[in-house]
Amino acid sequence: MAKTAFITGASSGIGEATARALAARGYHLILVARRAERLDALADQLHTAHGTTSTVLPLDLRDTAALRMIATAHPDLFENVDVLVNNAGLVRGTEPLHEGNPDEWDEVIDTNVKALLRLTRLVVPDMVKRGSGHVIMLGSTAGHWVYPGGAVYCASKHAVKAITEGLRMDVHGSGVRVSSIDPGLVETEFSEVRFRGDEDRAKKVYHGFHPFSPADIAETIVWCIERPQHVNIQDIVLTPTAQASVTMVKRT
């Protein structure tokens, strides 16, 4: 019987790459993101390439009412999940805290922290009941170090780090594994979202060095999942070779 992976933020970037990597390993996928057309296209591609079956959930995870409705109508979607990949996340702007937009702060916190908590609450109880399962949290180097203009985003990723550590303690002895993957610069739509659609500015973030690709991070996620059951990778912090810290990047 195929294992099941529940992946948020699956329509692009690390989420999409993780879906592709797990599809190649025969997983059934539950794909969650806001952009339905991208999810449908991805599900079709994975079925053609690997025979993978996918359940597509077009959903903004900040919409708690919609998530509650789905959980009530389809509780089976949150049961028998072998791997939960809490990948959905974003950031808006680089303004100093005292010049920031509180509405954008809400978007960041609601997506990066609250949605992660709610989904984890829905999926993990059945893992504990079964005595198996693996929760993968997508953290960030921003969850270890703070940088100028990143106070709210860094706070959200510090929260993810704390939630991950707390969850690991809460499920201790149950057989459920909990891991955090904390990458540095990955070339995705992340910077384009941060700069509110300014593609030229976003491209400059990754100019002059070799950043991670989403596939690099997906490979790391798969490596954690495929460790023997008695091995739990608690936290991996990884950066491109050109990146020494959140603020130091060697460019050509």
C-alpha atoms as a PDB file:
ATOM      1  CA  MET A   1       0.000   0.000   0.000  1.00  0.00           C
ATOM      2  CA  ALA A   2       1.374   3.404  -0.988  1.00  0.00           C
ATOM      3  CA  LYS A   3       2.407   5.797   1.739  1.00  0.00           C
ATOM      4  CA  THR A   4       0.704   9.195   1.908  1.00  0.00           C
ATOM      5  CA  ALA A   5       2.354  12.599   2.075  1.00  0.00           C
ATOM      6  CA  PHE A   6       0.409  15.780   2.874  1.00  0.00           C
ATOM      7  CA  ILE A   7       2.238  18.783   1.406  1.00  0.00           C
ATOM      8  CA  THR A   8       1.304  22.433   1.867  1.00  0.00           C
ATOM      9  CA  GLY A   9       2.452  25.163  -0.488  1.00  0.00           C
ATOM     10  CA  ALA A  10       2.641  22.489  -3.164  1.00  0.00           C
ATOM     11  CA  SER A  11       1.980  24.661  -6.219  1.00  0.00           C
ATOM     12  CA  SER A  12       5.560  25.945  -6.560  1.00  0.00           C
ATOM     13  CA  GLY A  13       9.048  26.022  -5.104  1.00  0.00           C
ATOM     14  CA  ILE A  14      10.062  23.593  -2.377  1.00  0.00           C
ATOM     15  CA  GLY A  15       6.549  22.188  -2.020  1.00  0.00           C
ATOM     16  CA  GLU A  16       6.310  21.312  -5.702  1.00  0.00           C
ATOM     17  CA  ALA A  17       9.819  19.850  -5.740  1.00  0.00           C
ATOM     18  CA  THR A  18       9.014  17.726  -2.694  1.00  0.00           C
ATOM     19  CA  ALA A  19       5.848  16.471  -4.370  1.00  0.00           C
ATOM     20  CA  ARG A  20       7.855  15.457  -7.419  1.00  0.00           C
ATOM     21  CA  ALA A  21      10.483  13.697  -5.305  1.00  0.00           C
ATOM     22  CA  LEU A  22       7.938  11.746  -3.266  1.00  0.00           C
ATOM     23  CA  ALA A  23       5.838  10.892  -6.321  1.00  0.00           C
ATOM     24  CA  ALA A  24       8.922   9.273  -7.818  1.00  0.00           C
ATOM     25  CA  ARG A  25       9.042   7.108  -4.677  1.00  0.00           C
ATOM     26  CA  GLY A  26       5.470   5.958  -5.050  1.00  0.00           C
ATOM     27  CA  TYR A  27       3.712   8.156  -2.491  1.00  0.00           C
ATOM     28  CA  HIS A  28       0.060   9.091  -2.704  1.00  0.00           C
ATOM     29  CA  LEU A  29      -0.035  12.882  -2.365  1.00  0.00           C
ATOM     30  CA  ILE A  30      -2.390  15.364  -0.786  1.00  0.00           C
ATOM     31  CA  LEU A  31      -1.468  18.690  -2.363  1.00  0.00           C
ATOM     32  CA  VAL A  32      -2.535  21.961  -0.775  1.00  0.00           C
ATOM     33  CA  ALA A  33      -2.093  25.493  -2.136  1.00  0.00           C
ATOM     34  CA  ARG A  34      -4.179  28.476  -3.209  1.00  0.00           C
ATOM     35  CA  ARG A  35      -3.619  28.114  -6.969  1.00  0.00           C
ATOM     36  CA  ALA A  36      -5.935  25.340  -8.133  1.00  0.00           C
ATOM     37  CA  GLU A  37      -4.787  25.368 -11.753  1.00  0.00           C
ATOM     38  CA  ARG A  38      -1.175  24.788 -10.746  1.00  0.00           C
ATOM     39  CA  LEU A  39      -2.114  21.948  -8.414  1.00  0.00           C
ATOM     40  CA  ASP A  40      -4.206  20.290 -11.121  1.00  0.00           C
ATOM     41  CA  ALA A  41      -1.368  20.595 -13.627  1.00  0.00           C
ATOM     42  CA  LEU A  42       1.122  19.163 -11.138  1.00  0.00           C
ATOM     43  CA  ALA A  43      -1.161  16.253 -10.271  1.00  0.00           C
ATOM     44  CA  ASP A  44      -1.579  15.439 -13.977  1.00  0.00           C
ATOM     45  CA  GLN A  45       2.173  15.570 -14.561  1.00  0.00           C
ATOM     46  CA  LEU A  46       2.901  13.301 -11.614  1.00  0.00           C
ATOM     47  CA  HIS A  47       0.280  10.804 -12.696  1.00  0.00           C
ATOM     48  CA  THR A  48       1.699  10.708 -16.228  1.00  0.00           C
ATOM     49  CA  ALA A  49       5.304  10.386 -15.043  1.00  0.00           C
ATOM     50  CA  HIS A  50       4.873   8.026 -12.091  1.00  0.00           C
ATOM     51  CA  GLY A  51       1.293   6.784 -12.003  1.00  0.00           C
ATOM     52  CA  THR A  52       0.880   8.776  -8.808  1.00  0.00           C
ATOM     53  CA  THR A  53      -2.562   9.480  -7.411  1.00  0.00           C
ATOM     54  CA  SER A  54      -2.995  12.934  -5.885  1.00  0.00           C
ATOM     55  CA  THR A  55      -5.751  14.606  -3.925  1.00  0.00           C
ATOM     56  CA  VAL A  56      -5.843  18.301  -4.749  1.00  0.00           C
ATOM     57  CA  LEU A  57      -7.017  20.792  -2.115  1.00  0.00           C
ATOM     58  CA  PRO A  58      -7.154  24.376  -3.433  1.00  0.00           C
ATOM     59  CA  LEU A  59      -7.124  26.231  -0.132  1.00  0.00           C
ATOM     60  CA  ASP A  60      -5.752  29.338   1.512  1.00  0.00           C
ATOM     61  CA  LEU A  61      -4.636  27.885   4.824  1.00  0.00           C
ATOM     62  CA  ARG A  62      -5.407  31.184   6.533  1.00  0.00           C
ATOM     63  CA  ASP A  63      -9.092  30.500   5.882  1.00  0.00           C
ATOM     64  CA  THR A  64      -9.831  28.675   9.114  1.00  0.00           C
ATOM     65  CA  ALA A  65     -13.524  28.253   8.300  1.00  0.00           C
ATOM     66  CA  ALA A  66     -12.735  26.524   4.998  1.00  0.00           C
ATOM     67  CA  LEU A  67     -10.143  24.284   6.652  1.00  0.00           C
ATOM     68  CA  ARG A  68     -12.628  23.361   9.391  1.00  0.00           C
ATOM     69  CA  MET A  69     -15.276  22.599   6.777  1.00  0.00           C
ATOM     70  CA  ILE A  70     -12.936  20.284   4.877  1.00  0.00           C
ATOM     71  CA  ALA A  71     -11.871  18.541   8.081  1.00  0.00           C
ATOM     72  CA  THR A  72     -15.524  17.970   9.015  1.00  0.00           C
ATOM     73  CA  ALA A  73     -16.601  16.781   5.579  1.00  0.00           C
ATOM     74  CA  HIS A  74     -13.486  14.728   4.803  1.00  0.00           C
ATOM     75  CA  PRO A  75     -11.784  13.635   8.039  1.00  0.00           C
ATOM     76  CA  ASP A  76     -10.137  10.793   6.118  1.00  0.00           C
ATOM     77  CA  LEU A  77      -7.845  13.316   4.438  1.00  0.00           C
ATOM     78  CA  PHE A  78      -6.126  13.938   7.760  1.00  0.00           C
ATOM     79  CA  GLU A  79      -5.873  10.292   8.762  1.00  0.00           C
ATOM     80  CA  ASN A  80      -3.291   7.707   7.729  1.00  0.00           C
ATOM     81  CA  VAL A  81      -0.874  10.447   6.676  1.00  0.00           C
ATOM     82  CA  ASP A  82       2.668   9.091   6.804  1.00  0.00           C
ATOM     83  CA  VAL A  83       4.456  12.384   6.133  1.00  0.00           C
ATOM     84  CA  LEU A  84       3.230  15.917   6.776  1.00  0.00           C
ATOM     85  CA  VAL A  85       5.329  18.586   5.068  1.00  0.00           C
ATOM     86  CA  ASN A  86       4.460  21.975   6.566  1.00  0.00           C
ATOM     87  CA  ASN A  87       5.983  24.006   3.766  1.00  0.00           C
ATOM     88  CA  ALA A  88       3.561  26.890   3.112  1.00  0.00           C
ATOM     89  CA  GLY A  89       5.054  30.236   4.079  1.00  0.00           C
ATOM     90  CA  LEU A  90       5.789  33.753   2.889  1.00  0.00           C
ATOM     91  CA  VAL A  91       7.176  37.161   3.749  1.00  0.00           C
ATOM     92  CA  ARG A  92       6.193  40.678   2.743  1.00  0.00           C
ATOM     93  CA  GLY A  93       8.503  43.674   2.480  1.00  0.00           C
ATOM     94  CA  THR A  94      11.839  44.681   3.961  1.00  0.00           C
ATOM     95  CA  GLU A  95      10.776  47.826   5.812  1.00  0.00           C
ATOM     96  CA  PRO A  96      12.005  48.473   9.361  1.00  0.00           C
ATOM     97  CA  LEU A  97       9.508  47.358  11.974  1.00  0.00           C
ATOM     98  CA  HIS A  98       8.435  50.912  12.788  1.00  0.00           C
ATOM     99  CA  GLU A  99       7.554  51.483   9.120  1.00  0.00           C
ATOM    100  CA  GLY A 100       5.912  48.128   8.428  1.00  0.00           C
ATOM    101  CA  ASN A 101       2.386  47.269   7.380  1.00  0.00           C
ATOM    102  CA  PRO A 102       0.421  45.519  10.170  1.00  0.00           C
ATOM    103  CA  ASP A 103      -1.916  43.898   7.621  1.00  0.00           C
ATOM    104  CA  GLU A 104       1.090  42.230   6.023  1.00  0.00           C
ATOM    105  CA  TRP A 105       2.318  41.135   9.448  1.00  0.00           C
ATOM    106  CA  ASP A 106      -1.024  39.381   9.933  1.00  0.00           C
ATOM    107  CA  GLU A 107      -0.605  37.610   6.595  1.00  0.00           C
ATOM    108  CA  VAL A 108       2.867  36.386   7.550  1.00  0.00           C
ATOM    109  CA  ILE A 109       1.938  35.229  11.048  1.00  0.00           C
ATOM    110  CA  ASP A 110      -1.353  33.675   9.935  1.00  0.00           C
ATOM    111  CA  THR A 111       0.372  31.691   7.178  1.00  0.00           C
ATOM    112  CA  ASN A 112       3.713  30.813   8.739  1.00  0.00           C
ATOM    113  CA  VAL A 113       2.559  30.125  12.281  1.00  0.00           C
ATOM    114  CA  LYS A 114      -1.203  29.801  12.795  1.00  0.00           C
ATOM    115  CA  ALA A 115      -1.917  27.727   9.679  1.00  0.00           C
ATOM    116  CA  LEU A 116       0.988  25.427  10.501  1.00  0.00           C
ATOM    117  CA  LEU A 117      -0.388  24.930  14.018  1.00  0.00           C
ATOM    118  CA  ARG A 118      -3.927  24.196  12.836  1.00  0.00           C
ATOM    119  CA  LEU A 119      -2.883  21.696  10.197  1.00  0.00           C
ATOM    120  CA  THR A 120      -0.498  19.955  12.560  1.00  0.00           C
ATOM    121  CA  ARG A 121      -3.348  19.699  15.075  1.00  0.00           C
ATOM    122  CA  LEU A 122      -5.502  17.970  12.447  1.00  0.00           C
ATOM    123  CA  VAL A 123      -2.922  15.468  11.189  1.00  0.00           C
ATOM    124  CA  VAL A 124      -0.754  14.491  14.164  1.00  0.00           C
ATOM    125  CA  PRO A 125      -3.405  12.916  16.459  1.00  0.00           C
ATOM    126  CA  ASP A 126      -3.852   9.990  14.070  1.00  0.00           C
ATOM    127  CA  MET A 127      -0.068   9.624  13.767  1.00  0.00           C
ATOM    128  CA  VAL A 128       0.174   9.341  17.550  1.00  0.00           C
ATOM    129  CA  LYS A 129      -2.691   6.859  17.619  1.00  0.00           C
ATOM    130  CA  ARG A 130      -0.974   4.677  15.001  1.00  0.00           C
ATOM    131  CA  GLY A 131       2.451   5.078  16.572  1.00  0.00           C
ATOM    132  CA  SER A 132       4.102   6.257  13.360  1.00  0.00           C
ATOM    133  CA  GLY A 133       4.445   9.265  11.084  1.00  0.00           C
ATOM    134  CA  HIS A 134       6.854  12.041  10.276  1.00  0.00           C
ATOM    135  CA  VAL A 135       6.274  15.791  10.510  1.00  0.00           C
ATOM    136  CA  ILE A 136       8.604  17.939   8.417  1.00  0.00           C
ATOM    137  CA  MET A 137       8.653  21.638   9.268  1.00  0.00           C
ATOM    138  CA  LEU A 138      10.118  24.057   6.733  1.00  0.00           C
ATOM    139  CA  GLY A 139      12.004  26.487   8.899  1.00  0.00           C
ATOM    140  CA  SER A 140      14.715  28.879   7.783  1.00  0.00           C
ATOM    141  CA  THR A 141      18.063  30.292   8.752  1.00  0.00           C
ATOM    142  CA  ALA A 142      15.823  33.227   9.747  1.00  0.00           C
ATOM    143  CA  GLY A 143      14.672  31.012  12.604  1.00  0.00           C
ATOM    144  CA  HIS A 144      18.203  31.029  13.980  1.00  0.00           C
ATOM    145  CA  TRP A 145      19.445  34.529  13.188  1.00  0.00           C
ATOM    146  CA  VAL A 146      17.690  37.881  12.737  1.00  0.00           C
ATOM    147  CA  TYR A 147      18.528  40.416  10.046  1.00  0.00           C
ATOM    148  CA  PRO A 148      17.576  44.069   9.393  1.00  0.00           C
ATOM    149  CA  GLY A 149      14.142  44.485   7.872  1.00  0.00           C
ATOM    150  CA  GLY A 150      13.168  40.939   8.750  1.00  0.00           C
ATOM    151  CA  ALA A 151      11.837  41.241  12.295  1.00  0.00           C
ATOM    152  CA  VAL A 152       8.366  39.817  11.672  1.00  0.00           C
ATOM    153  CA  TYR A 153       9.436  37.082   9.268  1.00  0.00           C
ATOM    154  CA  CYS A 154      12.293  36.078  11.566  1.00  0.00           C
ATOM    155  CA  ALA A 155       9.872  36.045  14.492  1.00  0.00           C
ATOM    156  CA  SER A 156       7.583  33.705  12.554  1.00  0.00           C
ATOM    157  CA  LYS A 157      10.435  31.321  11.800  1.00  0.00           C
ATOM    158  CA  HIS A 158      11.696  31.455  15.394  1.00  0.00           C
ATOM    159  CA  ALA A 159       8.136  30.463  16.292  1.00  0.00           C
ATOM    160  CA  VAL A 160       8.312  27.517  13.891  1.00  0.00           C
ATOM    161  CA  LYS A 161      11.549  26.435  15.565  1.00  0.00           C
ATOM    162  CA  ALA A 162       9.910  26.584  19.006  1.00  0.00           C
ATOM    163  CA  ILE A 163       6.784  24.771  17.786  1.00  0.00           C
ATOM    164  CA  THR A 164       8.935  22.045  16.240  1.00  0.00           C
ATOM    165  CA  GLU A 165      10.910  21.513  19.436  1.00  0.00           C
ATOM    166  CA  GLY A 166       7.745  21.553  21.538  1.00  0.00           C
ATOM    167  CA  LEU A 167       5.923  19.112  19.265  1.00  0.00           C
ATOM    168  CA  ARG A 168       8.869  16.734  19.380  1.00  0.00           C
ATOM    169  CA  MET A 169       8.610  16.720  23.171  1.00  0.00           C
ATOM    170  CA  ASP A 170       4.824  16.364  23.094  1.00  0.00           C
ATOM    171  CA  VAL A 171       4.917  13.248  20.898  1.00  0.00           C
ATOM    172  CA  HIS A 172       7.966  11.770  22.625  1.00  0.00           C
ATOM    173  CA  GLY A 173       7.600   8.026  22.976  1.00  0.00           C
ATOM    174  CA  SER A 174       4.805   7.761  20.417  1.00  0.00           C
ATOM    175  CA  GLY A 175       6.954   6.732  17.459  1.00  0.00           C
ATOM    176  CA  VAL A 176       6.218   9.969  15.583  1.00  0.00           C
ATOM    177  CA  ARG A 177       9.271  11.754  14.217  1.00  0.00           C
ATOM    178  CA  VAL A 178       9.573  15.535  13.951  1.00  0.00           C
ATOM    179  CA  SER A 179      12.209  17.282  11.837  1.00  0.00           C
ATOM    180  CA  SER A 180      12.982  20.854  10.857  1.00  0.00           C
ATOM    181  CA  ILE A 181      14.673  21.765   7.563  1.00  0.00           C
ATOM    182  CA  ASP A 182      16.132  25.276   7.794  1.00  0.00           C
ATOM    183  CA  PRO A 183      17.606  26.483   4.480  1.00  0.00           C
ATOM    184  CA  GLY A 184      19.329  29.671   3.517  1.00  0.00           C
ATOM    185  CA  LEU A 185      18.857  31.206   0.079  1.00  0.00           C
ATOM    186  CA  VAL A 186      16.669  29.083  -2.209  1.00  0.00           C
ATOM    187  CA  GLU A 187      15.719  30.443  -5.627  1.00  0.00           C
ATOM    188  CA  THR A 188      11.919  30.286  -5.620  1.00  0.00           C
ATOM    189  CA  GLU A 189       9.056  32.789  -5.835  1.00  0.00           C
ATOM    190  CA  PHE A 190       9.855  33.777  -2.246  1.00  0.00           C
ATOM    191  CA  SER A 191      11.634  37.034  -3.081  1.00  0.00           C
ATOM    192  CA  GLU A 192       9.110  37.977  -5.743  1.00  0.00           C
ATOM    193  CA  VAL A 193       6.369  37.692  -3.124  1.00  0.00           C
ATOM    194  CA  ARG A 194       8.472  39.616  -0.634  1.00  0.00           C
ATOM    195  CA  PHE A 195       9.009  42.454  -3.112  1.00  0.00           C
ATOM    196  CA  ARG A 196       5.326  42.456  -4.038  1.00  0.00           C
ATOM    197  CA  GLY A 197       5.795  41.275  -7.620  1.00  0.00           C
ATOM    198  CA  ASP A 198       8.979  43.177  -8.506  1.00  0.00           C
ATOM    199  CA  GLU A 199      10.665  40.458 -10.584  1.00  0.00           C
ATOM    200  CA  ASP A 200      13.837  42.443 -11.350  1.00  0.00           C
ATOM    201  CA  ARG A 201      14.475  43.144  -7.695  1.00  0.00           C
ATOM    202  CA  ALA A 202      13.769  39.514  -6.819  1.00  0.00           C
ATOM    203  CA  LYS A 203      16.277  38.231  -9.384  1.00  0.00           C
ATOM    204  CA  LYS A 204      19.033  40.360  -7.839  1.00  0.00           C
ATOM    205  CA  VAL A 205      18.725  38.412  -4.595  1.00  0.00           C
ATOM    206  CA  TYR A 206      20.110  35.326  -6.365  1.00  0.00           C
ATOM    207  CA  HIS A 207      22.536  37.075  -8.716  1.00  0.00           C
ATOM    208  CA  GLY A 208      26.257  36.356  -8.709  1.00  0.00           C
ATOM    209  CA  PHE A 209      26.342  33.061  -6.790  1.00  0.00           C
ATOM    210  CA  HIS A 210      24.866  29.562  -6.884  1.00  0.00           C
ATOM    211  CA  PRO A 211      21.767  29.462  -4.651  1.00  0.00           C
ATOM    212  CA  PHE A 212      19.868  26.351  -3.696  1.00  0.00           C
ATOM    213  CA  SER A 213      17.246  25.037  -6.084  1.00  0.00           C
ATOM    214  CA  PRO A 214      13.965  23.739  -4.661  1.00  0.00           C
ATOM    215  CA  ALA A 215      15.116  20.256  -5.660  1.00  0.00           C
ATOM    216  CA  ASP A 216      18.128  20.592  -3.334  1.00  0.00           C
ATOM    217  CA  ILE A 217      15.819  21.096  -0.374  1.00  0.00           C
ATOM    218  CA  ALA A 218      13.419  18.371  -1.503  1.00  0.00           C
ATOM    219  CA  GLU A 219      16.358  15.973  -1.633  1.00  0.00           C
ATOM    220  CA  THR A 220      17.192  16.870   1.978  1.00  0.00           C
ATOM    221  CA  ILE A 221      13.575  16.330   3.043  1.00  0.00           C
ATOM    222  CA  VAL A 222      13.511  12.916   1.394  1.00  0.00           C
ATOM    223  CA  TRP A 223      16.807  11.993   3.066  1.00  0.00           C
ATOM    224  CA  CYS A 224      15.300  12.762   6.484  1.00  0.00           C
ATOM    225  CA  ILE A 225      12.163  10.771   5.737  1.00  0.00           C
ATOM    226  CA  GLU A 226      14.114   7.760   4.521  1.00  0.00           C
ATOM    227  CA  ARG A 227      16.284   7.366   7.611  1.00  0.00           C
ATOM    228  CA  PRO A 228      15.529   4.182   9.568  1.00  0.00           C
ATOM    229  CA  GLN A 229      12.597   4.452  11.978  1.00  0.00           C
ATOM    230  CA  HIS A 230      14.914   4.604  14.989  1.00  0.00           C
ATOM    231  CA  VAL A 231      16.651   7.695  13.543  1.00  0.00           C
ATOM    232  CA  ASN A 232      15.104  11.158  13.848  1.00  0.00           C
ATOM    233  CA  ILE A 233      16.879  14.096  12.235  1.00  0.00           C
ATOM    234  CA  GLN A 234      15.905  16.913  14.578  1.00  0.00           C
ATOM    235  CA  ASP A 235      17.185  19.935  12.689  1.00  0.00           C
ATOM    236  CA  ILE A 236      19.194  20.591   9.546  1.00  0.00           C
ATOM    237  CA  VAL A 237      20.546  24.072   8.861  1.00  0.00           C
ATOM    238  CA  LEU A 238      21.897  24.315   5.328  1.00  0.00           C
ATOM    239  CA  THR A 239      23.179  27.181   3.227  1.00  0.00           C
ATOM    240  CA  PRO A 240      24.697  27.543  -0.214  1.00  0.00           C
ATOM    241  CA  THR A 241      28.478  27.442  -0.069  1.00  0.00           C
ATOM    242  CA  ALA A 242      28.531  31.149  -0.977  1.00  0.00           C
ATOM    243  CA  GLN A 243      26.393  32.055   2.049  1.00  0.00           C
ATOM    244  CA  ALA A 244      28.089  32.290   5.445  1.00  0.00           C
ATOM    245  CA  SER A 245      25.211  33.878   7.356  1.00  0.00           C
ATOM    246  CA  VAL A 246      21.834  35.480   6.687  1.00  0.00           C
ATOM    247  CA  THR A 247      23.621  38.699   5.724  1.00  0.00           C
ATOM    248  CA  MET A 248      26.875  37.422   4.148  1.00  0.00           C
ATOM    249  CA  VAL A 249      26.836  36.157   0.552  1.00  0.00           C
ATOM    250  CA  LYS A 250      29.919  36.017  -1.682  1.00  0.00           C
ATOM    251  CA  ARG A 251      28.950  37.223  -5.149  1.00  0.00           C
ATOM    252  CA  THR A 252      31.071  37.300  -8.297  1.00  0.00           C
END
